């Protein structure tokens, strides 16, 4: 939806900030991931994408970030 409507406003949408994340920590995309097509469309449209890295690092005590921050787009 963002890509289709990015120019509908006096000041076009240039950035998408997603404050979403799972209780999960890794350095790779999980097998249950489902946002890759949408993130790729945003990137292809030239939009800046920012996502939450997650707050669960301490409980996992291992390097990594939450999903969708683990997506390499």
PDB file of N, CA and C in Angstrom:
ATOM      1  N   UNK A   1       0.803  -1.184   0.000  1.00  0.00           N
ATOM      2  CA  UNK A   1       0.000   0.000   0.000  1.00  0.00           C
ATOM      3  C   UNK A   1       0.854   1.260   0.000  1.00  0.00           C
ATOM      4  N   UNK A   2       1.929   1.266   0.746  1.00  0.00           N
ATOM      5  CA  UNK A   2       2.768   2.462   0.821  1.00  0.00           C
ATOM      6  C   UNK A   2       3.332   2.795  -0.557  1.00  0.00           C
ATOM      7  N   UNK A   3       3.834   1.786  -1.263  1.00  0.00           N
ATOM      8  CA  UNK A   3       4.436   2.024  -2.574  1.00  0.00           C
ATOM      9  C   UNK A   3       3.406   2.630  -3.527  1.00  0.00           C
ATOM     10  N   UNK A   4       2.198   2.097  -3.549  1.00  0.00           N
ATOM     11  CA  UNK A   4       1.166   2.581  -4.459  1.00  0.00           C
ATOM     12  C   UNK A   4       0.720   4.012  -4.124  1.00  0.00           C
ATOM     13  N   UNK A   5       0.796   4.405  -2.871  1.00  0.00           N
ATOM     14  CA  UNK A   5       0.276   5.710  -2.445  1.00  0.00           C
ATOM     15  C   UNK A   5       1.351   6.710  -2.016  1.00  0.00           C
ATOM     16  N   UNK A   6       2.606   6.398  -2.282  1.00  0.00           N
ATOM     17  CA  UNK A   6       3.692   7.250  -1.788  1.00  0.00           C
ATOM     18  C   UNK A   6       3.649   8.673  -2.334  1.00  0.00           C
ATOM     19  N   UNK A   7       3.034   8.881  -3.486  1.00  0.00           N
ATOM     20  CA  UNK A   7       2.980  10.219  -4.085  1.00  0.00           C
ATOM     21  C   UNK A   7       1.618  10.886  -3.936  1.00  0.00           C
ATOM     22  N   UNK A   8       0.766  10.363  -3.083  1.00  0.00           N
ATOM     23  CA  UNK A   8      -0.577  10.912  -2.884  1.00  0.00           C
ATOM     24  C   UNK A   8      -0.611  12.163  -2.011  1.00  0.00           C
ATOM     25  N   UNK A   9       0.501  12.572  -1.488  1.00  0.00           N
ATOM     26  CA  UNK A   9       0.548  13.669  -0.522  1.00  0.00           C
ATOM     27  C   UNK A   9       1.405  14.818  -1.053  1.00  0.00           C
ATOM     28  N   UNK A  10       1.249  15.978  -0.481  1.00  0.00           N
ATOM     29  CA  UNK A  10       2.042  17.138  -0.894  1.00  0.00           C
ATOM     30  C   UNK A  10       3.538  16.852  -0.759  1.00  0.00           C
ATOM     31  N   UNK A  11       3.893  16.098   0.267  1.00  0.00           N
ATOM     32  CA  UNK A  11       5.273  15.671   0.476  1.00  0.00           C
ATOM     33  C   UNK A  11       5.284  14.149   0.394  1.00  0.00           C
ATOM     34  N   UNK A  12       5.816  13.595  -0.689  1.00  0.00           N
ATOM     35  CA  UNK A  12       5.781  12.138  -0.880  1.00  0.00           C
ATOM     36  C   UNK A  12       6.414  11.367   0.280  1.00  0.00           C
ATOM     37  N   UNK A  13       5.936  10.168   0.467  1.00  0.00           N
ATOM     38  CA  UNK A  13       6.505   9.278   1.487  1.00  0.00           C
ATOM     39  C   UNK A  13       7.898   8.863   1.023  1.00  0.00           C
ATOM     40  N   UNK A  14       8.881   9.033   1.872  1.00  0.00           N
ATOM     41  CA  UNK A  14      10.255   8.653   1.544  1.00  0.00           C
ATOM     42  C   UNK A  14      10.824   7.604   2.490  1.00  0.00           C
ATOM     43  N   UNK A  15      10.172   7.446   3.648  1.00  0.00           N
ATOM     44  CA  UNK A  15      10.697   6.566   4.690  1.00  0.00           C
ATOM     45  C   UNK A  15       9.569   5.777   5.326  1.00  0.00           C
ATOM     46  N   UNK A  16       9.851   4.516   5.613  1.00  0.00           N
ATOM     47  CA  UNK A  16       8.899   3.669   6.325  1.00  0.00           C
ATOM     48  C   UNK A  16       9.597   3.179   7.585  1.00  0.00           C
ATOM     49  N   UNK A  17       8.996   3.454   8.737  1.00  0.00           N
ATOM     50  CA  UNK A  17       9.550   3.041  10.022  1.00  0.00           C
ATOM     51  C   UNK A  17       8.647   1.967  10.610  1.00  0.00           C
ATOM     52  N   UNK A  18       9.176   0.764  10.733  1.00  0.00           N
ATOM     53  CA  UNK A  18       8.401  -0.364  11.261  1.00  0.00           C
ATOM     54  C   UNK A  18       8.880  -0.687  12.672  1.00  0.00           C
ATOM     55  N   UNK A  19       8.047  -0.408  13.621  1.00  0.00           N
ATOM     56  CA  UNK A  19       8.383  -0.720  15.003  1.00  0.00           C
ATOM     57  C   UNK A  19       7.693  -2.033  15.366  1.00  0.00           C
ATOM     58  N   UNK A  20       8.120  -3.070  14.702  1.00  0.00           N
ATOM     59  CA  UNK A  20       7.580  -4.411  14.949  1.00  0.00           C
ATOM     60  C   UNK A  20       8.752  -5.353  15.179  1.00  0.00           C
ATOM     61  N   UNK A  21       8.507  -6.395  15.859  1.00  0.00           N
ATOM     62  CA  UNK A  21       9.543  -7.379  16.093  1.00  0.00           C
ATOM     63  C   UNK A  21       8.982  -8.564  16.847  1.00  0.00           C
ATOM     64  N   UNK A  22       9.693  -9.627  16.778  1.00  0.00           N
ATOM     65  CA  UNK A  22       9.280 -10.866  17.426  1.00  0.00           C
ATOM     66  C   UNK A  22      10.205 -11.145  18.608  1.00  0.00           C
ATOM     67  N   UNK A  23       9.768 -11.976  19.493  1.00  0.00           N
ATOM     68  CA  UNK A  23      10.608 -12.426  20.594  1.00  0.00           C
ATOM     69  C   UNK A  23      11.533 -13.508  20.039  1.00  0.00           C
ATOM     70  N   UNK A  24      12.516 -13.052  19.276  1.00  0.00           N
ATOM     71  CA  UNK A  24      13.374 -13.936  18.509  1.00  0.00           C
ATOM     72  C   UNK A  24      14.678 -13.206  18.274  1.00  0.00           C
ATOM     73  N   UNK A  25      15.794 -13.890  18.176  1.00  0.00           N
ATOM     74  CA  UNK A  25      17.096 -13.261  18.017  1.00  0.00           C
ATOM     75  C   UNK A  25      17.972 -14.128  17.127  1.00  0.00           C
ATOM     76  N   UNK A  26      18.469 -13.551  16.030  1.00  0.00           N
ATOM     77  CA  UNK A  26      19.316 -14.320  15.125  1.00  0.00           C
ATOM     78  C   UNK A  26      20.065 -13.371  14.203  1.00  0.00           C
ATOM     79  N   UNK A  27      20.971 -13.918  13.413  1.00  0.00           N
ATOM     80  CA  UNK A  27      21.646 -13.128  12.392  1.00  0.00           C
ATOM     81  C   UNK A  27      21.201 -13.554  10.995  1.00  0.00           C
ATOM     82  N   UNK A  28      20.099 -14.302  10.919  1.00  0.00           N
ATOM     83  CA  UNK A  28      19.560 -14.722   9.627  1.00  0.00           C
ATOM     84  C   UNK A  28      18.032 -14.661   9.672  1.00  0.00           C
ATOM     85  N   UNK A  29      17.433 -14.736   8.500  1.00  0.00           N
ATOM     86  CA  UNK A  29      15.975 -14.664   8.382  1.00  0.00           C
ATOM     87  C   UNK A  29      15.376 -16.005   8.817  1.00  0.00           C
ATOM     88  N   UNK A  30      14.337 -15.989   9.652  1.00  0.00           N
ATOM     89  CA  UNK A  30      13.732 -17.245  10.112  1.00  0.00           C
ATOM     90  C   UNK A  30      12.931 -17.932   8.995  1.00  0.00           C
ATOM     91  N   UNK A  31      12.705 -19.208   9.137  1.00  0.00           N
ATOM     92  CA  UNK A  31      11.947 -19.968   8.129  1.00  0.00           C
ATOM     93  C   UNK A  31      10.494 -19.511   8.042  1.00  0.00           C
ATOM     94  N   UNK A  32       9.967 -18.909   9.091  1.00  0.00           N
ATOM     95  CA  UNK A  32       8.575 -18.461   9.108  1.00  0.00           C
ATOM     96  C   UNK A  32       8.408 -17.013   8.661  1.00  0.00           C
ATOM     97  N   UNK A  33       9.468 -16.397   8.162  1.00  0.00           N
ATOM     98  CA  UNK A  33       9.424 -14.993   7.731  1.00  0.00           C
ATOM     99  C   UNK A  33       8.401 -14.808   6.605  1.00  0.00           C
ATOM    100  N   UNK A  34       7.745 -13.631   6.588  1.00  0.00           N
ATOM    101  CA  UNK A  34       6.728 -13.401   5.564  1.00  0.00           C
ATOM    102  C   UNK A  34       6.660 -11.968   5.045  1.00  0.00           C
ATOM    103  N   UNK A  35       7.652 -11.144   5.320  1.00  0.00           N
ATOM    104  CA  UNK A  35       7.611  -9.749   4.877  1.00  0.00           C
ATOM    105  C   UNK A  35       8.603  -9.423   3.764  1.00  0.00           C
ATOM    106  N   UNK A  36       9.333 -10.400   3.277  1.00  0.00           N
ATOM    107  CA  UNK A  36      10.400 -10.140   2.316  1.00  0.00           C
ATOM    108  C   UNK A  36       9.912  -9.491   1.022  1.00  0.00           C
ATOM    109  N   UNK A  37       8.775  -9.923   0.479  1.00  0.00           N
ATOM    110  CA  UNK A  37       8.250  -9.322  -0.755  1.00  0.00           C
ATOM    111  C   UNK A  37       7.917  -7.846  -0.537  1.00  0.00           C
ATOM    112  N   UNK A  38       7.278  -7.537   0.576  1.00  0.00           N
ATOM    113  CA  UNK A  38       6.916  -6.153   0.880  1.00  0.00           C
ATOM    114  C   UNK A  38       8.158  -5.291   1.098  1.00  0.00           C
ATOM    115  N   UNK A  39       9.137  -5.807   1.827  1.00  0.00           N
ATOM    116  CA  UNK A  39      10.362  -5.049   2.063  1.00  0.00           C
ATOM    117  C   UNK A  39      11.120  -4.822   0.760  1.00  0.00           C
ATOM    118  N   UNK A  40      11.134  -5.820  -0.114  1.00  0.00           N
ATOM    119  CA  UNK A  40      11.795  -5.669  -1.417  1.00  0.00           C
ATOM    120  C   UNK A  40      11.092  -4.626  -2.275  1.00  0.00           C
ATOM    121  N   UNK A  41       9.760  -4.602  -2.235  1.00  0.00           N
ATOM    122  CA  UNK A  41       9.000  -3.602  -3.003  1.00  0.00           C
ATOM    123  C   UNK A  41       9.308  -2.196  -2.508  1.00  0.00           C
ATOM    124  N   UNK A  42       9.384  -2.013  -1.197  1.00  0.00           N
ATOM    125  CA  UNK A  42       9.725  -0.707  -0.633  1.00  0.00           C
ATOM    126  C   UNK A  42      11.122  -0.279  -1.064  1.00  0.00           C
ATOM    127  N   UNK A  43      12.056  -1.203  -0.986  1.00  0.00           N
ATOM    128  CA  UNK A  43      13.437  -0.903  -1.380  1.00  0.00           C
ATOM    129  C   UNK A  43      13.514  -0.568  -2.866  1.00  0.00           C
ATOM    130  N   UNK A  44      12.848  -1.356  -3.702  1.00  0.00           N
ATOM    131  CA  UNK A  44      12.855  -1.110  -5.151  1.00  0.00           C
ATOM    132  C   UNK A  44      12.261   0.244  -5.506  1.00  0.00           C
ATOM    133  N   UNK A  45      11.318   0.712  -4.703  1.00  0.00           N
ATOM    134  CA  UNK A  45      10.691   2.015  -4.930  1.00  0.00           C
ATOM    135  C   UNK A  45      11.573   3.161  -4.419  1.00  0.00           C
ATOM    136  N   UNK A  46      12.708   2.832  -3.823  1.00  0.00           N
ATOM    137  CA  UNK A  46      13.624   3.855  -3.340  1.00  0.00           C
ATOM    138  C   UNK A  46      13.289   4.408  -1.973  1.00  0.00           C
ATOM    139  N   UNK A  47      12.422   3.726  -1.237  1.00  0.00           N
ATOM    140  CA  UNK A  47      12.052   4.177   0.100  1.00  0.00           C
ATOM    141  C   UNK A  47      13.065   3.688   1.127  1.00  0.00           C
ATOM    142  N   UNK A  48      13.328   4.514   2.114  1.00  0.00           N
ATOM    143  CA  UNK A  48      14.206   4.130   3.219  1.00  0.00           C
ATOM    144  C   UNK A  48      13.364   3.320   4.194  1.00  0.00           C
ATOM    145  N   UNK A  49      13.888   2.170   4.620  1.00  0.00           N
ATOM    146  CA  UNK A  49      13.168   1.296   5.543  1.00  0.00           C
ATOM    147  C   UNK A  49      13.966   1.205   6.840  1.00  0.00           C
ATOM    148  N   UNK A  50      13.300   1.487   7.956  1.00  0.00           N
ATOM    149  CA  UNK A  50      13.930   1.273   9.253  1.00  0.00           C
ATOM    150  C   UNK A  50      13.040   0.323  10.044  1.00  0.00           C
ATOM    151  N   UNK A  51      13.664  -0.564  10.799  1.00  0.00           N
ATOM    152  CA  UNK A  51      12.908  -1.531  11.607  1.00  0.00           C
ATOM    153  C   UNK A  51      13.539  -1.653  12.984  1.00  0.00           C
ATOM    154  N   UNK A  52      12.751  -2.107  13.923  1.00  0.00           N
ATOM    155  CA  UNK A  52      13.246  -2.344  15.278  1.00  0.00           C
ATOM    156  C   UNK A  52      14.246  -3.493  15.259  1.00  0.00           C
ATOM    157  N   UNK A  53      15.296  -3.356  16.026  1.00  0.00           N
ATOM    158  CA  UNK A  53      16.279  -4.432  16.127  1.00  0.00           C
ATOM    159  C   UNK A  53      15.893  -5.447  17.192  1.00  0.00           C
ATOM    160  N   UNK A  54      14.988  -5.070  18.068  1.00  0.00           N
ATOM    161  CA  UNK A  54      14.559  -5.969  19.132  1.00  0.00           C
ATOM    162  C   UNK A  54      15.220  -5.646  20.449  1.00  0.00           C
ATOM    163  N   UNK A  55      14.586  -6.071  21.495  1.00  0.00           N
ATOM    164  CA  UNK A  55      15.089  -5.806  22.839  1.00  0.00           C
ATOM    165  C   UNK A  55      15.397  -7.085  23.607  1.00  0.00           C
ATOM    166  N   UNK A  56      15.516  -8.195  22.909  1.00  0.00           N
ATOM    167  CA  UNK A  56      15.670  -9.482  23.585  1.00  0.00           C
ATOM    168  C   UNK A  56      17.098  -9.985  23.645  1.00  0.00           C
ATOM    169  N   UNK A  57      18.070  -9.167  23.272  1.00  0.00           N
ATOM    170  CA  UNK A  57      19.451  -9.622  23.238  1.00  0.00           C
ATOM    171  C   UNK A  57      19.897 -10.232  24.559  1.00  0.00           C
ATOM    172  N   UNK A  58      19.573  -9.580  25.653  1.00  0.00           N
ATOM    173  CA  UNK A  58      20.042 -10.050  26.959  1.00  0.00           C
ATOM    174  C   UNK A  58      19.525 -11.446  27.293  1.00  0.00           C
ATOM    175  N   UNK A  59      18.272 -11.721  26.946  1.00  0.00           N
ATOM    176  CA  UNK A  59      17.726 -13.039  27.278  1.00  0.00           C
ATOM    177  C   UNK A  59      18.360 -14.142  26.429  1.00  0.00           C
ATOM    178  N   UNK A  60      18.817 -13.811  25.209  1.00  0.00           N
ATOM    179  CA  UNK A  60      19.452 -14.816  24.348  1.00  0.00           C
ATOM    180  C   UNK A  60      20.953 -14.890  24.577  1.00  0.00           C
ATOM    181  N   UNK A  61      21.534 -13.803  25.084  1.00  0.00           N
ATOM    182  CA  UNK A  61      22.971 -13.733  25.332  1.00  0.00           C
ATOM    183  C   UNK A  61      23.774 -14.195  24.115  1.00  0.00           C
ATOM    184  N   UNK A  62      23.353 -13.720  22.938  1.00  0.00           N
ATOM    185  CA  UNK A  62      24.023 -14.077  21.689  1.00  0.00           C
ATOM    186  C   UNK A  62      23.837 -12.940  20.695  1.00  0.00           C
ATOM    187  N   UNK A  63      24.792 -12.749  19.785  1.00  0.00           N
ATOM    188  CA  UNK A  63      24.639 -11.712  18.765  1.00  0.00           C
ATOM    189  C   UNK A  63      23.410 -11.984  17.896  1.00  0.00           C
ATOM    190  N   UNK A  64      22.777 -10.932  17.461  1.00  0.00           N
ATOM    191  CA  UNK A  64      21.642 -11.078  16.567  1.00  0.00           C
ATOM    192  C   UNK A  64      20.635  -9.974  16.772  1.00  0.00           C
ATOM    193  N   UNK A  65      19.616  -9.981  15.917  1.00  0.00           N
ATOM    194  CA  UNK A  65      18.539  -9.011  15.981  1.00  0.00           C
ATOM    195  C   UNK A  65      17.213  -9.735  15.793  1.00  0.00           C
ATOM    196  N   UNK A  66      16.144  -9.012  16.020  1.00  0.00           N
ATOM    197  CA  UNK A  66      14.809  -9.569  15.855  1.00  0.00           C
ATOM    198  C   UNK A  66      14.422  -9.577  14.378  1.00  0.00           C
ATOM    199  N   UNK A  67      13.365 -10.255  14.045  1.00  0.00           N
ATOM    200  CA  UNK A  67      12.786 -10.203  12.705  1.00  0.00           C
ATOM    201  C   UNK A  67      11.754  -9.099  12.700  1.00  0.00           C
ATOM    202  N   UNK A  68      11.722  -8.215  11.748  1.00  0.00           N
ATOM    203  CA  UNK A  68      12.328  -8.266  10.425  1.00  0.00           C
ATOM    204  C   UNK A  68      13.687  -7.577  10.306  1.00  0.00           C
ATOM    205  N   UNK A  69      14.286  -7.147  11.398  1.00  0.00           N
ATOM    206  CA  UNK A  69      15.595  -6.499  11.300  1.00  0.00           C
ATOM    207  C   UNK A  69      16.650  -7.431  10.717  1.00  0.00           C
ATOM    208  N   UNK A  70      16.447  -8.733  10.794  1.00  0.00           N
ATOM    209  CA  UNK A  70      17.415  -9.702  10.275  1.00  0.00           C
ATOM    210  C   UNK A  70      17.375  -9.825   8.749  1.00  0.00           C
ATOM    211  N   UNK A  71      16.387  -9.209   8.107  1.00  0.00           N
ATOM    212  CA  UNK A  71      16.283  -9.284   6.639  1.00  0.00           C
ATOM    213  C   UNK A  71      17.409  -8.450   6.021  1.00  0.00           C
ATOM    214  N   UNK A  72      18.171  -9.020   5.091  1.00  0.00           N
ATOM    215  CA  UNK A  72      19.327  -8.317   4.543  1.00  0.00           C
ATOM    216  C   UNK A  72      19.041  -7.277   3.462  1.00  0.00           C
ATOM    217  N   UNK A  73      17.774  -6.874   3.239  1.00  0.00           N
ATOM    218  CA  UNK A  73      17.486  -5.919   2.164  1.00  0.00           C
ATOM    219  C   UNK A  73      18.086  -4.587   2.388  1.00  0.00           C
TER     220      UNK A  73
END
